[in-house]
PDB file of N, CA and C in Angstrom:
ATOM      1  N   MET A   1      70.026  80.414   2.846  1.00  0.00           N
ATOM      2  CA  MET A   1      69.345  80.319   4.121  1.00  0.00           C
ATOM      3  C   MET A   1      69.615  81.599   4.917  1.00  0.00           C
ATOM      4  N   GLU A   2      68.585  82.304   5.219  1.00  0.00           N
ATOM      5  CA  GLU A   2      68.707  83.571   5.937  1.00  0.00           C
ATOM      6  C   GLU A   2      68.922  83.324   7.428  1.00  0.00           C
ATOM      7  N   LYS A   3      69.916  84.017   8.006  1.00  0.00           N
ATOM      8  CA  LYS A   3      70.214  83.898   9.444  1.00  0.00           C
ATOM      9  C   LYS A   3      69.593  85.023  10.252  1.00  0.00           C
ATOM     10  N   GLY A   4      69.267  86.117   9.601  1.00  0.00           N
ATOM     11  CA  GLY A   4      68.684  87.264  10.273  1.00  0.00           C
ATOM     12  C   GLY A   4      68.776  88.481   9.392  1.00  0.00           C
ATOM     13  N   LYS A   5      68.092  89.525   9.772  1.00  0.00           N
ATOM     14  CA  LYS A   5      68.107  90.760   9.007  1.00  0.00           C
ATOM     15  C   LYS A   5      68.361  91.924   9.952  1.00  0.00           C
ATOM     16  N   ILE A   6      69.332  92.767   9.608  1.00  0.00           N
ATOM     17  CA  ILE A   6      69.681  93.944  10.407  1.00  0.00           C
ATOM     18  C   ILE A   6      69.194  95.172   9.656  1.00  0.00           C
ATOM     19  N   ILE A   7      68.393  95.996  10.319  1.00  0.00           N
ATOM     20  CA  ILE A   7      67.837  97.189   9.691  1.00  0.00           C
ATOM     21  C   ILE A   7      68.160  98.395  10.568  1.00  0.00           C
ATOM     22  N   LYS A   8      68.777  99.428   9.974  1.00  0.00           N
ATOM     23  CA  LYS A   8      69.013 100.681  10.701  1.00  0.00           C
ATOM     24  C   LYS A   8      67.762 101.536  10.567  1.00  0.00           C
ATOM     25  N   ILE A   9      67.253 101.994  11.684  1.00  0.00           N
ATOM     26  CA  ILE A   9      66.024 102.779  11.722  1.00  0.00           C
ATOM     27  C   ILE A   9      66.352 104.263  11.608  1.00  0.00           C
ATOM     28  N   TRP A  10      65.690 104.964  10.693  1.00  0.00           N
ATOM     29  CA  TRP A  10      65.816 106.414  10.553  1.00  0.00           C
ATOM     30  C   TRP A  10      64.992 107.052  11.654  1.00  0.00           C
ATOM     31  N   ARG A  11      65.622 107.895  12.480  1.00  0.00           N
ATOM     32  CA  ARG A  11      64.929 108.509  13.620  1.00  0.00           C
ATOM     33  C   ARG A  11      64.666 109.985  13.436  1.00  0.00           C
ATOM     34  N   GLY A  12      64.833 110.481  12.246  1.00  0.00           N
ATOM     35  CA  GLY A  12      64.554 111.878  11.980  1.00  0.00           C
ATOM     36  C   GLY A  12      65.821 112.677  11.771  1.00  0.00           C
ATOM     37  N   LEU A  13      65.686 113.769  11.066  1.00  0.00           N
ATOM     38  CA  LEU A  13      66.833 114.582  10.680  1.00  0.00           C
ATOM     39  C   LEU A  13      67.608 115.110  11.885  1.00  0.00           C
ATOM     40  N   ALA A  14      66.910 115.665  12.856  1.00  0.00           N
ATOM     41  CA  ALA A  14      67.599 116.258  14.008  1.00  0.00           C
ATOM     42  C   ALA A  14      68.383 115.200  14.790  1.00  0.00           C
ATOM     43  N   THR A  15      67.765 114.066  15.044  1.00  0.00           N
ATOM     44  CA  THR A  15      68.441 113.010  15.800  1.00  0.00           C
ATOM     45  C   THR A  15      69.645 112.484  15.038  1.00  0.00           C
ATOM     46  N   GLU A  16      69.489 112.283  13.749  1.00  0.00           N
ATOM     47  CA  GLU A  16      70.591 111.747  12.944  1.00  0.00           C
ATOM     48  C   GLU A  16      71.749 112.738  12.832  1.00  0.00           C
ATOM     49  N   MET A  17      71.448 114.027  12.763  1.00  0.00           N
ATOM     50  CA  MET A  17      72.501 115.028  12.586  1.00  0.00           C
ATOM     51  C   MET A  17      73.195 115.418  13.885  1.00  0.00           C
ATOM     52  N   PHE A  18      72.447 115.471  14.979  1.00  0.00           N
ATOM     53  CA  PHE A  18      72.985 116.077  16.189  1.00  0.00           C
ATOM     54  C   PHE A  18      73.274 115.100  17.321  1.00  0.00           C
ATOM     55  N   THR A  19      73.077 113.813  17.114  1.00  0.00           N
ATOM     56  CA  THR A  19      73.421 112.837  18.145  1.00  0.00           C
ATOM     57  C   THR A  19      74.199 111.686  17.509  1.00  0.00           C
ATOM     58  N   ASP A  20      74.843 110.896  18.342  1.00  0.00           N
ATOM     59  CA  ASP A  20      75.547 109.700  17.883  1.00  0.00           C
ATOM     60  C   ASP A  20      74.682 108.454  18.031  1.00  0.00           C
ATOM     61  N   ALA A  21      73.436 108.639  18.473  1.00  0.00           N
ATOM     62  CA  ALA A  21      72.561 107.496  18.733  1.00  0.00           C
ATOM     63  C   ALA A  21      72.126 106.834  17.430  1.00  0.00           C
ATOM     64  N   ASP A  22      72.200 105.527  17.405  1.00  0.00           N
ATOM     65  CA  ASP A  22      71.720 104.735  16.282  1.00  0.00           C
ATOM     66  C   ASP A  22      70.728 103.710  16.813  1.00  0.00           C
ATOM     67  N   THR A  23      69.724 103.407  16.015  1.00  0.00           N
ATOM     68  CA  THR A  23      68.731 102.408  16.389  1.00  0.00           C
ATOM     69  C   THR A  23      68.674 101.353  15.293  1.00  0.00           C
ATOM     70  N   PHE A  24      68.744 100.108  15.690  1.00  0.00           N
ATOM     71  CA  PHE A  24      68.677  98.992  14.761  1.00  0.00           C
ATOM     72  C   PHE A  24      67.549  98.066  15.163  1.00  0.00           C
ATOM     73  N   THR A  25      66.975  97.408  14.175  1.00  0.00           N
ATOM     74  CA  THR A  25      66.033  96.322  14.398  1.00  0.00           C
ATOM     75  C   THR A  25      66.669  95.060  13.846  1.00  0.00           C
ATOM     76  N   ILE A  26      66.583  93.983  14.597  1.00  0.00           N
ATOM     77  CA  ILE A  26      67.107  92.699  14.145  1.00  0.00           C
ATOM     78  C   ILE A  26      65.946  91.725  14.068  1.00  0.00           C
ATOM     79  N   ASN A  27      65.766  91.112  12.897  1.00  0.00           N
ATOM     80  CA  ASN A  27      64.730  90.098  12.710  1.00  0.00           C
ATOM     81  C   ASN A  27      65.407  88.742  12.526  1.00  0.00           C
ATOM     82  N   PHE A  28      64.987  87.761  13.323  1.00  0.00           N
ATOM     83  CA  PHE A  28      65.515  86.410  13.225  1.00  0.00           C
ATOM     84  C   PHE A  28      64.434  85.491  12.666  1.00  0.00           C
ATOM     85  N   PRO A  29      64.814  84.512  11.859  1.00  0.00           N
ATOM     86  CA  PRO A  29      63.835  83.505  11.451  1.00  0.00           C
ATOM     87  C   PRO A  29      63.444  82.650  12.660  1.00  0.00           C
ATOM     88  N   ALA A  30      62.291  82.034  12.603  1.00  0.00           N
ATOM     89  CA  ALA A  30      61.793  81.239  13.726  1.00  0.00           C
ATOM     90  C   ALA A  30      62.715  80.072  14.043  1.00  0.00           C
ATOM     91  N   TYR A  31      63.435  79.562  13.053  1.00  0.00           N
ATOM     92  CA  TYR A  31      64.293  78.393  13.250  1.00  0.00           C
ATOM     93  C   TYR A  31      65.719  78.751  13.677  1.00  0.00           C
ATOM     94  N   ALA A  32      66.049  80.022  13.893  1.00  0.00           N
ATOM     95  CA  ALA A  32      67.410  80.432  14.251  1.00  0.00           C
ATOM     96  C   ALA A  32      67.784  79.890  15.628  1.00  0.00           C
ATOM     97  N   THR A  33      68.985  79.344  15.717  1.00  0.00           N
ATOM     98  CA  THR A  33      69.485  78.823  16.992  1.00  0.00           C
ATOM     99  C   THR A  33      70.037  79.979  17.829  1.00  0.00           C
ATOM    100  N   PRO A  34      70.224  79.776  19.130  1.00  0.00           N
ATOM    101  CA  PRO A  34      70.826  80.828  19.957  1.00  0.00           C
ATOM    102  C   PRO A  34      72.204  81.256  19.459  1.00  0.00           C
ATOM    103  N   GLU A  35      72.992  80.322  18.947  1.00  0.00           N
ATOM    104  CA  GLU A  35      74.315  80.661  18.419  1.00  0.00           C
ATOM    105  C   GLU A  35      74.199  81.568  17.192  1.00  0.00           C
ATOM    106  N   GLN A  36      73.245  81.265  16.316  1.00  0.00           N
ATOM    107  CA  GLN A  36      73.038  82.101  15.136  1.00  0.00           C
ATOM    108  C   GLN A  36      72.564  83.505  15.540  1.00  0.00           C
ATOM    109  N   LYS A  37      71.690  83.570  16.520  1.00  0.00           N
ATOM    110  CA  LYS A  37      71.221  84.868  17.002  1.00  0.00           C
ATOM    111  C   LYS A  37      72.373  85.672  17.610  1.00  0.00           C
ATOM    112  N   ALA A  38      73.256  84.996  18.350  1.00  0.00           N
ATOM    113  CA  ALA A  38      74.411  85.679  18.948  1.00  0.00           C
ATOM    114  C   ALA A  38      75.329  86.223  17.860  1.00  0.00           C
ATOM    115  N   ARG A  39      75.530  85.460  16.779  1.00  0.00           N
ATOM    116  CA  ARG A  39      76.378  85.926  15.682  1.00  0.00           C
ATOM    117  C   ARG A  39      75.784  87.150  14.998  1.00  0.00           C
ATOM    118  N   VAL A  40      74.481  87.139  14.773  1.00  0.00           N
ATOM    119  CA  VAL A  40      73.844  88.284  14.129  1.00  0.00           C
ATOM    120  C   VAL A  40      73.900  89.502  15.048  1.00  0.00           C
ATOM    121  N   LEU A  41      73.701  89.310  16.336  1.00  0.00           N
ATOM    122  CA  LEU A  41      73.796  90.417  17.283  1.00  0.00           C
ATOM    123  C   LEU A  41      75.212  90.986  17.306  1.00  0.00           C
ATOM    124  N   GLY A  42      76.215  90.116  17.345  1.00  0.00           N
ATOM    125  CA  GLY A  42      77.611  90.572  17.291  1.00  0.00           C
ATOM    126  C   GLY A  42      77.911  91.295  15.988  1.00  0.00           C
ATOM    127  N   SER A  43      77.353  90.808  14.887  1.00  0.00           N
ATOM    128  CA  SER A  43      77.534  91.470  13.591  1.00  0.00           C
ATOM    129  C   SER A  43      76.925  92.862  13.589  1.00  0.00           C
ATOM    130  N   THR A  44      75.832  93.026  14.331  1.00  0.00           N
ATOM    131  CA  THR A  44      75.202  94.346  14.429  1.00  0.00           C
ATOM    132  C   THR A  44      76.131  95.339  15.115  1.00  0.00           C
ATOM    133  N   PHE A  45      76.765  94.912  16.207  1.00  0.00           N
ATOM    134  CA  PHE A  45      77.724  95.786  16.891  1.00  0.00           C
ATOM    135  C   PHE A  45      78.903  96.125  15.982  1.00  0.00           C
ATOM    136  N   LEU A  46      79.414  95.127  15.270  1.00  0.00           N
ATOM    137  CA  LEU A  46      80.525  95.361  14.351  1.00  0.00           C
ATOM    138  C   LEU A  46      80.122  96.313  13.233  1.00  0.00           C
ATOM    139  N   LEU A  47      78.961  96.105  12.655  1.00  0.00           N
ATOM    140  CA  LEU A  47      78.459  96.975  11.594  1.00  0.00           C
ATOM    141  C   LEU A  47      78.330  98.410  12.090  1.00  0.00           C
ATOM    142  N   ASP A  48      77.787  98.582  13.289  1.00  0.00           N
ATOM    143  CA  ASP A  48      77.635  99.926  13.852  1.00  0.00           C
ATOM    144  C   ASP A  48      78.991 100.597  14.025  1.00  0.00           C
ATOM    145  N   MET A  49      79.960  99.877  14.580  1.00  0.00           N
ATOM    146  CA  MET A  49      81.274 100.468  14.814  1.00  0.00           C
ATOM    147  C   MET A  49      82.003 100.781  13.508  1.00  0.00           C
ATOM    148  N   MET A  50      81.897  99.913  12.515  1.00  0.00           N
ATOM    149  CA  MET A  50      82.642 100.081  11.270  1.00  0.00           C
ATOM    150  C   MET A  50      82.003 101.112  10.330  1.00  0.00           C
ATOM    151  N   GLU A  51      80.689 101.202  10.313  1.00  0.00           N
ATOM    152  CA  GLU A  51      80.011 102.029   9.320  1.00  0.00           C
ATOM    153  C   GLU A  51      79.426 103.327   9.861  1.00  0.00           C
ATOM    154  N   PHE A  52      79.011 103.347  11.114  1.00  0.00           N
ATOM    155  CA  PHE A  52      78.253 104.499  11.606  1.00  0.00           C
ATOM    156  C   PHE A  52      78.947 105.299  12.692  1.00  0.00           C
ATOM    157  N   GLU A  53      79.993 104.768  13.297  1.00  0.00           N
ATOM    158  CA  GLU A  53      80.725 105.510  14.323  1.00  0.00           C
ATOM    159  C   GLU A  53      81.920 106.186  13.672  1.00  0.00           C
ATOM    160  N   GLY A  54      82.139 107.456  13.993  1.00  0.00           N
ATOM    161  CA  GLY A  54      83.245 108.200  13.411  1.00  0.00           C
ATOM    162  C   GLY A  54      84.562 107.869  14.084  1.00  0.00           C
ATOM    163  N   LYS A  55      85.621 108.308  13.458  1.00  0.00           N
ATOM    164  CA  LYS A  55      86.949 108.151  14.056  1.00  0.00           C
ATOM    165  C   LYS A  55      87.102 109.184  15.159  1.00  0.00           C
ATOM    166  N   PRO A  56      87.950 108.896  16.153  1.00  0.00           N
ATOM    167  CA  PRO A  56      88.132 109.867  17.234  1.00  0.00           C
ATOM    168  C   PRO A  56      88.677 111.191  16.699  1.00  0.00           C
ATOM    169  N   ASP A  57      88.128 112.262  17.185  1.00  0.00           N
ATOM    170  CA  ASP A  57      88.626 113.570  16.766  1.00  0.00           C
ATOM    171  C   ASP A  57      89.859 113.933  17.591  1.00  0.00           C
ATOM    172  N   GLN A  58      90.454 115.027  17.274  1.00  0.00           N
ATOM    173  CA  GLN A  58      91.699 115.436  17.943  1.00  0.00           C
ATOM    174  C   GLN A  58      91.498 115.631  19.438  1.00  0.00           C
ATOM    175  N   GLY A  59      90.336 116.140  19.851  1.00  0.00           N
ATOM    176  CA  GLY A  59      90.080 116.358  21.273  1.00  0.00           C
ATOM    177  C   GLY A  59      90.072 115.060  22.057  1.00  0.00           C
ATOM    178  N   SER A  60      89.449 114.025  21.500  1.00  0.00           N
ATOM    179  CA  SER A  60      89.423 112.753  22.216  1.00  0.00           C
ATOM    180  C   SER A  60      90.794 112.094  22.218  1.00  0.00           C
ATOM    181  N   ARG A  61      91.617 112.328  21.194  1.00  0.00           N
ATOM    182  CA  ARG A  61      92.984 111.801  21.198  1.00  0.00           C
ATOM    183  C   ARG A  61      93.780 112.407  22.346  1.00  0.00           C
ATOM    184  N   LYS A  62      93.639 113.713  22.550  1.00  0.00           N
ATOM    185  CA  LYS A  62      94.359 114.363  23.642  1.00  0.00           C
ATOM    186  C   LYS A  62      93.887 113.841  24.990  1.00  0.00           C
ATOM    187  N   LEU A  63      92.579 113.614  25.131  1.00  0.00           N
ATOM    188  CA  LEU A  63      92.035 113.096  26.377  1.00  0.00           C
ATOM    189  C   LEU A  63      92.579 111.699  26.659  1.00  0.00           C
ATOM    190  N   LEU A  64      92.592 110.833  25.637  1.00  0.00           N
ATOM    191  CA  LEU A  64      93.117 109.481  25.817  1.00  0.00           C
ATOM    192  C   LEU A  64      94.602 109.514  26.151  1.00  0.00           C
ATOM    193  N   ALA A  65      95.354 110.381  25.471  1.00  0.00           N
ATOM    194  CA  ALA A  65      96.795 110.481  25.735  1.00  0.00           C
ATOM    195  C   ALA A  65      97.034 110.928  27.173  1.00  0.00           C
ATOM    196  N   LYS A  66      96.243 111.881  27.643  1.00  0.00           N
ATOM    197  CA  LYS A  66      96.395 112.369  29.012  1.00  0.00           C
ATOM    198  C   LYS A  66      96.002 111.280  30.008  1.00  0.00           C
ATOM    199  N   ARG A  67      94.912 110.586  29.753  1.00  0.00           N
ATOM    200  CA  ARG A  67      94.431 109.560  30.671  1.00  0.00           C
ATOM    201  C   ARG A  67      95.425 108.419  30.816  1.00  0.00           C
ATOM    202  N   TYR A  68      96.048 108.016  29.710  1.00  0.00           N
ATOM    203  CA  TYR A  68      96.935 106.865  29.748  1.00  0.00           C
ATOM    204  C   TYR A  68      98.410 107.241  29.806  1.00  0.00           C
ATOM    205  N   GLY A  69      98.711 108.496  30.019  1.00  0.00           N
ATOM    206  CA  GLY A  69     100.078 108.917  30.276  1.00  0.00           C
ATOM    207  C   GLY A  69     100.983 108.917  29.063  1.00  0.00           C
ATOM    208  N   HIS A  70     100.435 109.145  27.889  1.00  0.00           N
ATOM    209  CA  HIS A  70     101.235 109.171  26.678  1.00  0.00           C
ATOM    210  C   HIS A  70     101.220 110.569  26.079  1.00  0.00           C
ATOM    211  N   GLU A  71     102.261 110.841  25.358  1.00  0.00           N
ATOM    212  CA  GLU A  71     102.234 112.048  24.539  1.00  0.00           C
ATOM    213  C   GLU A  71     101.254 111.797  23.403  1.00  0.00           C
ATOM    214  N   GLU A  72     100.930 112.814  22.681  1.00  0.00           N
ATOM    215  CA  GLU A  72      99.962 112.672  21.602  1.00  0.00           C
ATOM    216  C   GLU A  72     100.632 112.002  20.395  1.00  0.00           C
ATOM    217  N   THR A  73     100.885 110.697  20.522  1.00  0.00           N
ATOM    218  CA  THR A  73     101.525 109.942  19.462  1.00  0.00           C
ATOM    219  C   THR A  73     100.613 108.903  18.865  1.00  0.00           C
ATOM    220  N   GLY A  74      99.443 108.745  19.424  1.00  0.00           N
ATOM    221  CA  GLY A  74      98.529 107.731  18.926  1.00  0.00           C
ATOM    222  C   GLY A  74      98.596 106.433  19.702  1.00  0.00           C
ATOM    223  N   GLY A  75      99.550 106.273  20.630  1.00  0.00           N
ATOM    224  CA  GLY A  75      99.634 105.059  21.434  1.00  0.00           C
ATOM    225  C   GLY A  75      98.683 105.134  22.601  1.00  0.00           C
ATOM    226  N   TYR A  76      97.816 104.145  22.743  1.00  0.00           N
ATOM    227  CA  TYR A  76      96.809 104.192  23.791  1.00  0.00           C
ATOM    228  C   TYR A  76      96.944 103.059  24.797  1.00  0.00           C
ATOM    229  N   THR A  77      98.066 102.340  24.787  1.00  0.00           N
ATOM    230  CA  THR A  77      98.217 101.265  25.769  1.00  0.00           C
ATOM    231  C   THR A  77      98.516 101.877  27.127  1.00  0.00           C
ATOM    232  N   ARG A  78      97.953 101.259  28.130  1.00  0.00           N
ATOM    233  CA  ARG A  78      98.101 101.774  29.505  1.00  0.00           C
ATOM    234  C   ARG A  78      99.551 101.584  29.959  1.00  0.00           C
ATOM    235  N   SER A  79     100.147 102.654  30.473  1.00  0.00           N
ATOM    236  CA  SER A  79     101.519 102.554  30.967  1.00  0.00           C
ATOM    237  C   SER A  79     101.499 102.239  32.460  1.00  0.00           C
ATOM    238  N   GLY A  80     102.603 101.664  32.930  1.00  0.00           N
ATOM    239  CA  GLY A  80     102.707 101.433  34.360  1.00  0.00           C
ATOM    240  C   GLY A  80     102.539 100.054  34.697  1.00  0.00           C
TER     241      GLY A  80
END
């Protein structure tokens, strides 16, 4: 029983190479309940974060460390 279909849309070479923007289409069957739709939508966010978003680079690590008052050790919990 299909709950939905998640499709990543190709937006062209320049957009894919030079931006972090991703576009997805979600298709739900007519009989899908609101709870099932919410699960598929949440799965789309998880899929995007796990498969298409890169790991933070060194520059963003330094920014996070500075913002949260930590040395560059990888700890990002807010101090204070």
